[in-house]
Amino acid sequence: MSVSVRIPTQLRTLTGGASEVSVEGSTVAEVLKALDSAHPGFNERLYDEKGALRRFVNVFLAEEDIRFLQGVDTPVDDGQTLSIVPAVAGGEAADTYM
């Protein structure tokens, strides 16, 4: 299933400047894994050392926060859009990864 992923400005260096890319996957986790395979460097910026999404990384599927759905196990339909949205906050930790 082809899914469009919207890339925040801070991570566009990983996609050669593209603001949106298409990858395959049937769940959010599969889409994010495919994103990292196609554009290496996303996993280390999106996931913490325990394998969970970093607390300042918000992921939306069709305008719904995946935290209120099934998290990374949320099913994704062909043609849907996944948006990676960094939390708006100051501080060194957020700047380090995004």
N, C-alpha and C. Protein backbone atom coordinates (compact mmCIF):
# COMPACT_ATOMS: atom_id res chain seq x y z
N MET A 1 0.84 -1.18 0.00
CA MET A 1 0.00 0.00 0.00
C MET A 1 0.88 1.24 0.00
N SER A 2 0.64 2.11 -0.91
CA SER A 2 1.42 3.33 -1.00
C SER A 2 0.84 4.40 -0.07
N VAL A 3 1.71 4.95 0.76
CA VAL A 3 1.32 5.96 1.74
C VAL A 3 2.22 7.18 1.54
N SER A 4 1.63 8.36 1.58
CA SER A 4 2.40 9.60 1.52
C SER A 4 2.81 9.99 2.92
N VAL A 5 4.06 10.37 3.09
CA VAL A 5 4.55 10.80 4.40
C VAL A 5 5.00 12.25 4.27
N ARG A 6 4.39 13.11 5.08
CA ARG A 6 4.79 14.53 5.11
C ARG A 6 5.97 14.68 6.06
N ILE A 7 7.01 15.32 5.55
CA ILE A 7 8.27 15.44 6.28
C ILE A 7 8.42 16.86 6.82
N PRO A 8 8.70 17.00 8.13
CA PRO A 8 8.91 18.36 8.67
C PRO A 8 10.22 18.95 8.15
N THR A 9 10.27 20.25 8.13
CA THR A 9 11.44 20.97 7.62
C THR A 9 12.74 20.45 8.23
N GLN A 10 12.74 20.19 9.54
CA GLN A 10 13.96 19.77 10.23
C GLN A 10 14.52 18.45 9.71
N LEU A 11 13.70 17.62 9.08
CA LEU A 11 14.16 16.31 8.62
C LEU A 11 14.29 16.20 7.10
N ARG A 12 14.07 17.27 6.40
CA ARG A 12 14.10 17.22 4.93
C ARG A 12 15.49 16.98 4.36
N THR A 13 16.52 17.18 5.15
CA THR A 13 17.87 16.86 4.66
C THR A 13 17.98 15.36 4.39
N LEU A 14 17.19 14.56 5.11
CA LEU A 14 17.21 13.10 4.92
C LEU A 14 16.50 12.67 3.64
N THR A 15 15.62 13.53 3.13
CA THR A 15 14.86 13.19 1.92
C THR A 15 15.31 14.01 0.71
N GLY A 16 16.48 14.60 0.80
CA GLY A 16 16.97 15.42 -0.30
C GLY A 16 16.16 16.68 -0.50
N GLY A 17 15.51 17.15 0.57
CA GLY A 17 14.73 18.37 0.51
C GLY A 17 13.25 18.16 0.24
N ALA A 18 12.83 16.93 -0.02
CA ALA A 18 11.43 16.65 -0.31
C ALA A 18 10.56 16.83 0.92
N SER A 19 9.44 17.50 0.74
CA SER A 19 8.51 17.73 1.84
C SER A 19 7.52 16.58 2.00
N GLU A 20 7.44 15.71 1.00
CA GLU A 20 6.55 14.55 1.04
C GLU A 20 7.15 13.44 0.22
N VAL A 21 7.11 12.22 0.75
CA VAL A 21 7.62 11.05 0.05
C VAL A 21 6.58 9.94 0.12
N SER A 22 6.65 9.00 -0.78
CA SER A 22 5.74 7.85 -0.77
C SER A 22 6.52 6.60 -0.42
N VAL A 23 5.95 5.81 0.48
CA VAL A 23 6.54 4.53 0.86
C VAL A 23 5.41 3.52 1.01
N GLU A 24 5.79 2.27 1.20
CA GLU A 24 4.81 1.19 1.34
C GLU A 24 4.69 0.79 2.81
N GLY A 25 3.51 0.32 3.19
CA GLY A 25 3.31 -0.18 4.54
C GLY A 25 1.83 -0.32 4.85
N SER A 26 1.50 -1.28 5.72
CA SER A 26 0.10 -1.48 6.08
C SER A 26 -0.20 -1.03 7.50
N THR A 27 0.85 -0.66 8.26
CA THR A 27 0.68 -0.07 9.59
C THR A 27 1.62 1.13 9.69
N VAL A 28 1.41 1.96 10.69
CA VAL A 28 2.29 3.11 10.89
C VAL A 28 3.72 2.63 11.09
N ALA A 29 3.92 1.58 11.87
CA ALA A 29 5.27 1.05 12.11
C ALA A 29 5.94 0.63 10.80
N GLU A 30 5.20 -0.06 9.93
CA GLU A 30 5.76 -0.49 8.65
C GLU A 30 6.10 0.70 7.77
N VAL A 31 5.25 1.72 7.78
CA VAL A 31 5.51 2.92 6.99
C VAL A 31 6.77 3.61 7.48
N LEU A 32 6.92 3.76 8.80
CA LEU A 32 8.11 4.43 9.34
C LEU A 32 9.37 3.60 9.08
N LYS A 33 9.25 2.28 9.12
CA LYS A 33 10.40 1.42 8.81
C LYS A 33 10.79 1.57 7.34
N ALA A 34 9.79 1.60 6.46
CA ALA A 34 10.05 1.79 5.02
C ALA A 34 10.66 3.17 4.75
N LEU A 35 10.20 4.16 5.51
CA LEU A 35 10.74 5.51 5.38
C LEU A 35 12.23 5.51 5.70
N ASP A 36 12.61 4.84 6.79
CA ASP A 36 14.02 4.77 7.17
C ASP A 36 14.84 3.96 6.16
N SER A 37 14.23 2.93 5.59
CA SER A 37 14.94 2.12 4.58
C SER A 37 15.21 2.95 3.33
N ALA A 38 14.21 3.74 2.93
CA ALA A 38 14.36 4.55 1.73
C ALA A 38 15.22 5.79 1.97
N HIS A 39 15.17 6.30 3.19
CA HIS A 39 15.89 7.53 3.55
C HIS A 39 16.53 7.34 4.93
N PRO A 40 17.67 6.67 4.99
CA PRO A 40 18.31 6.36 6.27
C PRO A 40 18.51 7.57 7.18
N GLY A 41 18.29 7.34 8.48
CA GLY A 41 18.48 8.38 9.47
C GLY A 41 17.20 8.72 10.22
N PHE A 42 16.06 8.29 9.70
CA PHE A 42 14.80 8.61 10.37
C PHE A 42 14.65 7.87 11.71
N ASN A 43 15.00 6.59 11.75
CA ASN A 43 14.80 5.83 12.99
C ASN A 43 15.47 6.48 14.19
N GLU A 44 16.72 6.88 14.04
CA GLU A 44 17.43 7.46 15.18
C GLU A 44 16.84 8.79 15.63
N ARG A 45 16.14 9.46 14.74
CA ARG A 45 15.52 10.74 15.10
C ARG A 45 14.10 10.57 15.63
N LEU A 46 13.42 9.50 15.20
CA LEU A 46 12.03 9.30 15.61
C LEU A 46 11.87 8.42 16.84
N TYR A 47 12.78 7.46 17.01
CA TYR A 47 12.65 6.48 18.09
C TYR A 47 13.73 6.67 19.15
N ASP A 48 13.38 6.37 20.41
CA ASP A 48 14.37 6.43 21.49
C ASP A 48 15.11 5.10 21.59
N GLU A 49 16.02 5.00 22.54
CA GLU A 49 16.84 3.81 22.71
C GLU A 49 16.04 2.57 23.10
N LYS A 50 14.82 2.74 23.57
CA LYS A 50 13.95 1.61 23.93
C LYS A 50 13.04 1.20 22.77
N GLY A 51 13.12 1.91 21.65
CA GLY A 51 12.32 1.57 20.49
C GLY A 51 10.95 2.22 20.44
N ALA A 52 10.70 3.16 21.35
CA ALA A 52 9.42 3.88 21.37
C ALA A 52 9.59 5.21 20.65
N LEU A 53 8.49 5.71 20.09
CA LEU A 53 8.56 7.03 19.49
C LEU A 53 8.98 8.04 20.54
N ARG A 54 9.86 8.93 20.17
CA ARG A 54 10.30 9.96 21.11
C ARG A 54 9.10 10.80 21.52
N ARG A 55 9.13 11.30 22.74
CA ARG A 55 7.96 12.01 23.29
C ARG A 55 7.66 13.31 22.56
N PHE A 56 8.65 13.89 21.88
CA PHE A 56 8.42 15.13 21.16
C PHE A 56 8.09 14.91 19.68
N VAL A 57 7.93 13.66 19.28
CA VAL A 57 7.57 13.35 17.90
C VAL A 57 6.08 12.99 17.87
N ASN A 58 5.33 13.75 17.11
CA ASN A 58 3.91 13.47 16.94
C ASN A 58 3.69 12.93 15.53
N VAL A 59 2.89 11.89 15.44
CA VAL A 59 2.60 11.29 14.14
C VAL A 59 1.09 11.31 13.97
N PHE A 60 0.66 11.83 12.83
CA PHE A 60 -0.77 11.93 12.53
C PHE A 60 -1.08 11.12 11.29
N LEU A 61 -2.17 10.39 11.34
CA LEU A 61 -2.68 9.65 10.19
C LEU A 61 -4.03 10.24 9.85
N ALA A 62 -4.12 10.81 8.67
CA ALA A 62 -5.38 11.45 8.23
C ALA A 62 -5.90 12.40 9.30
N GLU A 63 -5.02 13.25 9.81
CA GLU A 63 -5.34 14.30 10.79
C GLU A 63 -5.64 13.78 12.20
N GLU A 64 -5.44 12.48 12.44
CA GLU A 64 -5.67 11.90 13.76
C GLU A 64 -4.33 11.53 14.39
N ASP A 65 -4.12 11.95 15.64
CA ASP A 65 -2.90 11.61 16.37
C ASP A 65 -2.92 10.10 16.63
N ILE A 66 -1.86 9.39 16.20
CA ILE A 66 -1.85 7.94 16.36
C ILE A 66 -1.87 7.51 17.83
N ARG A 67 -1.52 8.41 18.74
CA ARG A 67 -1.57 8.07 20.17
C ARG A 67 -3.01 7.79 20.63
N PHE A 68 -3.97 8.36 19.91
CA PHE A 68 -5.38 8.16 20.25
C PHE A 68 -6.01 7.09 19.37
N LEU A 69 -5.20 6.46 18.53
CA LEU A 69 -5.66 5.34 17.71
C LEU A 69 -5.01 4.08 18.29
N GLN A 70 -4.23 3.38 17.50
CA GLN A 70 -3.54 2.17 17.98
C GLN A 70 -2.03 2.35 17.99
N GLY A 71 -1.59 3.58 18.13
CA GLY A 71 -0.15 3.85 18.15
C GLY A 71 0.48 3.45 16.83
N VAL A 72 1.70 2.92 16.90
CA VAL A 72 2.40 2.52 15.67
C VAL A 72 1.76 1.30 15.03
N ASP A 73 0.86 0.62 15.74
CA ASP A 73 0.15 -0.53 15.18
C ASP A 73 -1.10 -0.13 14.40
N THR A 74 -1.35 1.17 14.30
CA THR A 74 -2.52 1.67 13.58
C THR A 74 -2.45 1.25 12.12
N PRO A 75 -3.51 0.61 11.61
CA PRO A 75 -3.53 0.23 10.19
C PRO A 75 -3.55 1.46 9.29
N VAL A 76 -2.92 1.33 8.13
CA VAL A 76 -2.85 2.41 7.15
C VAL A 76 -3.43 1.89 5.84
N ASP A 77 -4.33 2.67 5.25
CA ASP A 77 -4.92 2.30 3.97
C ASP A 77 -4.15 2.93 2.82
N ASP A 78 -4.22 2.29 1.68
CA ASP A 78 -3.58 2.79 0.48
C ASP A 78 -4.04 4.22 0.19
N GLY A 79 -3.08 5.09 -0.07
CA GLY A 79 -3.39 6.47 -0.41
C GLY A 79 -3.51 7.42 0.77
N GLN A 80 -3.42 6.91 2.01
CA GLN A 80 -3.52 7.80 3.17
C GLN A 80 -2.23 8.61 3.32
N THR A 81 -2.34 9.65 4.15
CA THR A 81 -1.19 10.51 4.42
C THR A 81 -0.81 10.43 5.88
N LEU A 82 0.47 10.22 6.13
CA LEU A 82 1.02 10.19 7.48
C LEU A 82 1.87 11.44 7.62
N SER A 83 1.67 12.19 8.70
CA SER A 83 2.42 13.42 8.93
C SER A 83 3.28 13.28 10.18
N ILE A 84 4.55 13.62 10.05
CA ILE A 84 5.46 13.65 11.19
C ILE A 84 5.54 15.11 11.61
N VAL A 85 5.16 15.37 12.87
CA VAL A 85 5.10 16.75 13.35
C VAL A 85 5.88 16.84 14.66
N PRO A 86 7.01 17.54 14.66
CA PRO A 86 7.75 17.71 15.91
C PRO A 86 6.96 18.61 16.87
N ALA A 87 7.03 18.30 18.15
CA ALA A 87 6.39 19.13 19.16
C ALA A 87 7.04 20.51 19.14
N VAL A 88 6.25 21.51 19.37
CA VAL A 88 6.76 22.88 19.41
C VAL A 88 7.18 23.18 20.84
N ALA A 89 8.49 23.19 21.04
CA ALA A 89 9.03 23.46 22.37
C ALA A 89 10.50 23.82 22.21
N GLY A 90 11.00 24.53 23.15
CA GLY A 90 12.42 24.88 23.14
C GLY A 90 13.19 23.83 23.89
N GLY A 91 14.47 23.99 23.88
CA GLY A 91 15.31 23.09 24.67
C GLY A 91 16.29 22.33 23.82
N GLU A 92 17.35 21.94 24.45
CA GLU A 92 18.43 21.27 23.76
C GLU A 92 18.06 19.89 23.28
N ALA A 93 17.27 19.12 24.04
CA ALA A 93 16.94 17.75 23.68
C ALA A 93 16.21 17.68 22.34
N ALA A 94 15.24 18.54 22.14
CA ALA A 94 14.49 18.53 20.89
C ALA A 94 15.40 18.92 19.74
N ASP A 95 16.26 19.87 19.91
CA ASP A 95 17.14 20.33 18.85
C ASP A 95 18.16 19.25 18.47
N THR A 96 18.51 18.40 19.40
CA THR A 96 19.53 17.39 19.15
C THR A 96 19.08 16.38 18.12
N TYR A 97 17.83 15.98 18.13
CA TYR A 97 17.36 14.91 17.28
C TYR A 97 16.66 15.39 16.02
N MET A 98 15.98 16.50 16.08
CA MET A 98 15.25 16.97 14.91
C MET A 98 16.07 18.03 14.28
